């Protein structure tokens, strides 16, 4: 008995279907979704950091006489700067120590958030300084903030923390951070 043309499977069509099934991507997994979400967050964080850097106010070129500062103003300024330092220290610590596993996308997202905390933290600290900030604290905060910005920019271009220049910046940042912690007690 012969099979009709309609009842015989088309060998070429079956081969094409098998090929299509072989190249069809696997359905997304939970890990894939987390990685994608982490990458999106990292890209957004990088955009925010770039925008914040572009919005940084320029330093005034005209020097004006500083108004007299009383003890109450100095104490209030110290409190604001020390509060900002505490927030930045927590943010940098949290973002540099987050562990989302060994997935490369998740690791890059963690690195991007660490860079954002470092760069944003430097800018945030500088924005909290005012003329009433005690000079010893203001100098240490400027040193830390500038180190954070230098570290963050080096990290953005891919310089590892083991690079001698970056390692020196990290050491200077740690020393400034330790000094600020003592002054803010």
Protein backbone atom coordinates (compact mmCIF):
# COMPACT_ATOMS: atom_id res chain seq x y z
CA UNK A 1 0.00 0.00 0.00
CA UNK A 2 1.39 3.38 -0.97
CA UNK A 3 1.13 6.43 1.18
CA UNK A 4 -0.36 9.44 -0.44
CA UNK A 5 1.59 12.61 -0.74
CA UNK A 6 -0.63 14.27 1.91
CA UNK A 7 -0.04 11.57 4.51
CA UNK A 8 3.74 11.35 4.06
CA UNK A 9 5.72 13.70 6.24
CA UNK A 10 7.86 16.11 4.30
CA UNK A 11 11.41 15.18 5.27
CA UNK A 12 12.68 18.67 4.49
CA UNK A 13 9.98 20.30 6.64
CA UNK A 14 10.79 17.98 9.57
CA UNK A 15 14.49 18.81 9.21
CA UNK A 16 13.67 22.57 9.19
CA UNK A 17 11.54 22.18 12.35
CA UNK A 18 14.35 20.30 14.11
CA UNK A 19 16.81 23.01 13.11
CA UNK A 20 14.47 25.72 14.42
CA UNK A 21 14.05 23.86 17.70
CA UNK A 22 17.83 23.48 18.02
CA UNK A 23 18.51 27.21 17.64
CA UNK A 24 15.57 28.44 19.70
CA UNK A 25 16.89 30.09 22.89
CA UNK A 26 16.22 28.40 26.18
CA UNK A 27 13.50 29.98 28.31
CA UNK A 28 14.82 32.58 30.76
CA UNK A 29 15.85 31.27 34.15
CA UNK A 30 15.66 33.00 37.53
CA UNK A 31 19.43 33.60 37.37
CA UNK A 32 19.09 35.16 33.92
CA UNK A 33 16.33 37.49 35.15
CA UNK A 34 18.39 38.56 38.17
CA UNK A 35 21.41 39.17 35.95
CA UNK A 36 19.37 41.22 33.51
CA UNK A 37 17.84 43.26 36.33
CA UNK A 38 21.27 43.82 37.87
CA UNK A 39 22.65 44.99 34.53
CA UNK A 40 19.75 47.42 34.06
CA UNK A 41 20.31 48.80 37.57
CA UNK A 42 24.03 49.15 36.91
CA UNK A 43 23.44 51.06 33.67
CA UNK A 44 20.98 53.38 35.42
CA UNK A 45 23.44 53.90 38.29
CA UNK A 46 26.22 54.72 35.86
CA UNK A 47 23.95 57.22 34.10
CA UNK A 48 23.06 58.88 37.41
CA UNK A 49 26.74 59.09 38.39
CA UNK A 50 27.63 60.65 35.05
CA UNK A 51 24.79 63.14 35.38
CA UNK A 52 25.84 64.02 38.94
CA UNK A 53 29.40 64.66 37.83
CA UNK A 54 28.19 66.87 34.98
CA UNK A 55 26.02 68.85 37.41
CA UNK A 56 28.84 69.51 39.91
CA UNK A 57 29.11 73.25 40.53
CA UNK A 58 32.27 74.99 39.40
CA UNK A 59 34.52 76.41 42.08
CA UNK A 60 34.15 80.18 42.39
CA UNK A 61 37.08 82.10 40.96
CA UNK A 62 36.52 85.18 43.12
CA UNK A 63 37.65 84.92 46.72
CA UNK A 64 35.27 86.48 49.20
CA UNK A 65 35.87 87.18 52.85
CA UNK A 66 34.44 84.43 55.01
CA UNK A 67 31.82 85.58 57.52
CA UNK A 68 32.58 85.15 61.20
CA UNK A 69 31.44 81.77 62.52
CA UNK A 70 30.24 81.21 66.06
CA UNK A 71 30.54 77.98 68.05
CA UNK A 72 26.90 77.03 67.50
CA UNK A 73 27.27 77.32 63.70
CA UNK A 74 30.52 75.36 63.79
CA UNK A 75 28.91 72.57 65.85
CA UNK A 76 25.92 72.42 63.49
CA UNK A 77 28.20 72.26 60.44
CA UNK A 78 30.27 69.53 62.08
CA UNK A 79 27.09 67.55 62.77
CA UNK A 80 25.95 67.85 59.14
CA UNK A 81 29.33 66.84 57.73
CA UNK A 82 29.75 63.97 60.20
CA UNK A 83 26.23 62.75 59.34
CA UNK A 84 27.07 62.90 55.63
CA UNK A 85 30.32 61.03 56.28
CA UNK A 86 28.44 58.28 58.12
CA UNK A 87 25.98 57.87 55.23
CA UNK A 88 28.76 57.79 52.63
CA UNK A 89 30.81 55.31 54.65
CA UNK A 90 27.78 52.99 54.93
CA UNK A 91 26.92 53.33 51.23
CA UNK A 92 30.46 52.61 50.04
CA UNK A 93 30.77 49.66 52.44
CA UNK A 94 27.42 48.18 51.40
CA UNK A 95 27.95 48.61 47.68
CA UNK A 96 31.54 47.35 47.64
CA UNK A 97 30.71 44.27 49.73
CA UNK A 98 27.49 43.13 48.05
CA UNK A 99 27.70 39.56 46.72
CA UNK A 100 25.25 38.50 44.01
CA UNK A 101 27.22 35.39 43.11
CA UNK A 102 29.66 34.54 40.33
CA UNK A 103 27.45 35.54 37.40
CA UNK A 104 29.50 38.02 35.31
CA UNK A 105 26.54 40.34 34.77
CA UNK A 106 25.74 40.43 38.48
CA UNK A 107 29.41 41.02 39.31
CA UNK A 108 29.53 43.95 36.87
CA UNK A 109 26.35 45.38 38.42
CA UNK A 110 27.93 45.22 41.88
CA UNK A 111 31.06 46.93 40.55
CA UNK A 112 28.96 49.66 38.91
CA UNK A 113 27.09 50.31 42.15
CA UNK A 114 30.38 50.42 44.05
CA UNK A 115 31.69 53.02 41.59
CA UNK A 116 28.49 55.01 41.94
CA UNK A 117 28.77 54.97 45.74
CA UNK A 118 32.41 56.04 45.54
CA UNK A 119 31.92 58.85 43.01
CA UNK A 120 28.59 59.97 44.43
CA UNK A 121 29.95 59.78 47.97
CA UNK A 122 32.81 62.12 47.09
CA UNK A 123 30.44 64.63 45.53
CA UNK A 124 27.97 64.32 48.41
CA UNK A 125 30.67 65.01 51.00
CA UNK A 126 31.96 68.07 49.16
CA UNK A 127 28.42 69.44 48.86
CA UNK A 128 27.95 69.24 52.65
CA UNK A 129 30.95 71.43 53.49
CA UNK A 130 30.28 75.05 54.36
CA UNK A 131 32.33 77.91 55.82
CA UNK A 132 31.29 76.94 59.35
CA UNK A 133 32.81 73.44 59.06
CA UNK A 134 35.81 73.21 61.40
CA UNK A 135 38.99 73.45 59.27
CA UNK A 136 40.48 70.15 60.48
CA UNK A 137 37.30 68.30 59.51
CA UNK A 138 36.86 70.21 56.25
CA UNK A 139 40.42 69.41 55.13
CA UNK A 140 40.02 65.70 55.90
CA UNK A 141 36.64 65.56 54.13
CA UNK A 142 38.07 67.28 51.05
CA UNK A 143 40.96 64.80 50.99
CA UNK A 144 38.60 61.82 51.30
CA UNK A 145 36.13 63.16 48.73
CA UNK A 146 38.86 63.89 46.20
CA UNK A 147 40.36 60.44 46.76
CA UNK A 148 36.93 58.85 46.27
CA UNK A 149 36.51 60.69 42.99
CA UNK A 150 39.99 59.70 41.79
CA UNK A 151 39.42 56.08 42.82
CA UNK A 152 36.01 55.97 41.12
CA UNK A 153 37.29 57.41 37.86
CA UNK A 154 40.21 54.96 37.81
CA UNK A 155 37.76 52.11 38.41
CA UNK A 156 35.54 53.33 35.58
CA UNK A 157 38.41 53.00 33.12
CA UNK A 158 39.23 49.53 34.44
CA UNK A 159 42.31 50.20 36.56
CA UNK A 160 42.36 47.45 39.23
CA UNK A 161 42.66 48.23 42.93
CA UNK A 162 46.00 46.41 42.91
CA UNK A 163 47.52 49.07 40.62
CA UNK A 164 50.13 50.97 42.70
CA UNK A 165 48.55 54.38 42.04
CA UNK A 166 45.04 53.18 42.94
CA UNK A 167 46.37 51.26 45.94
CA UNK A 168 48.00 54.49 47.15
CA UNK A 169 44.69 56.36 46.69
CA UNK A 170 42.87 53.65 48.64
CA UNK A 171 45.41 53.96 51.46
CA UNK A 172 45.04 57.75 51.52
CA UNK A 173 41.25 57.42 51.52
CA UNK A 174 41.39 54.98 54.44
CA UNK A 175 43.68 57.31 56.41
CA UNK A 176 41.36 60.28 55.76
CA UNK A 177 38.33 58.17 56.70
CA UNK A 178 39.96 57.07 59.96
CA UNK A 179 40.82 60.69 60.79
CA UNK A 180 37.28 61.88 60.05
CA UNK A 181 35.87 59.11 62.26
CA UNK A 182 38.06 60.36 65.13
CA UNK A 183 37.09 64.01 64.61
CA UNK A 184 33.39 63.10 64.41
CA UNK A 185 33.33 61.24 67.74
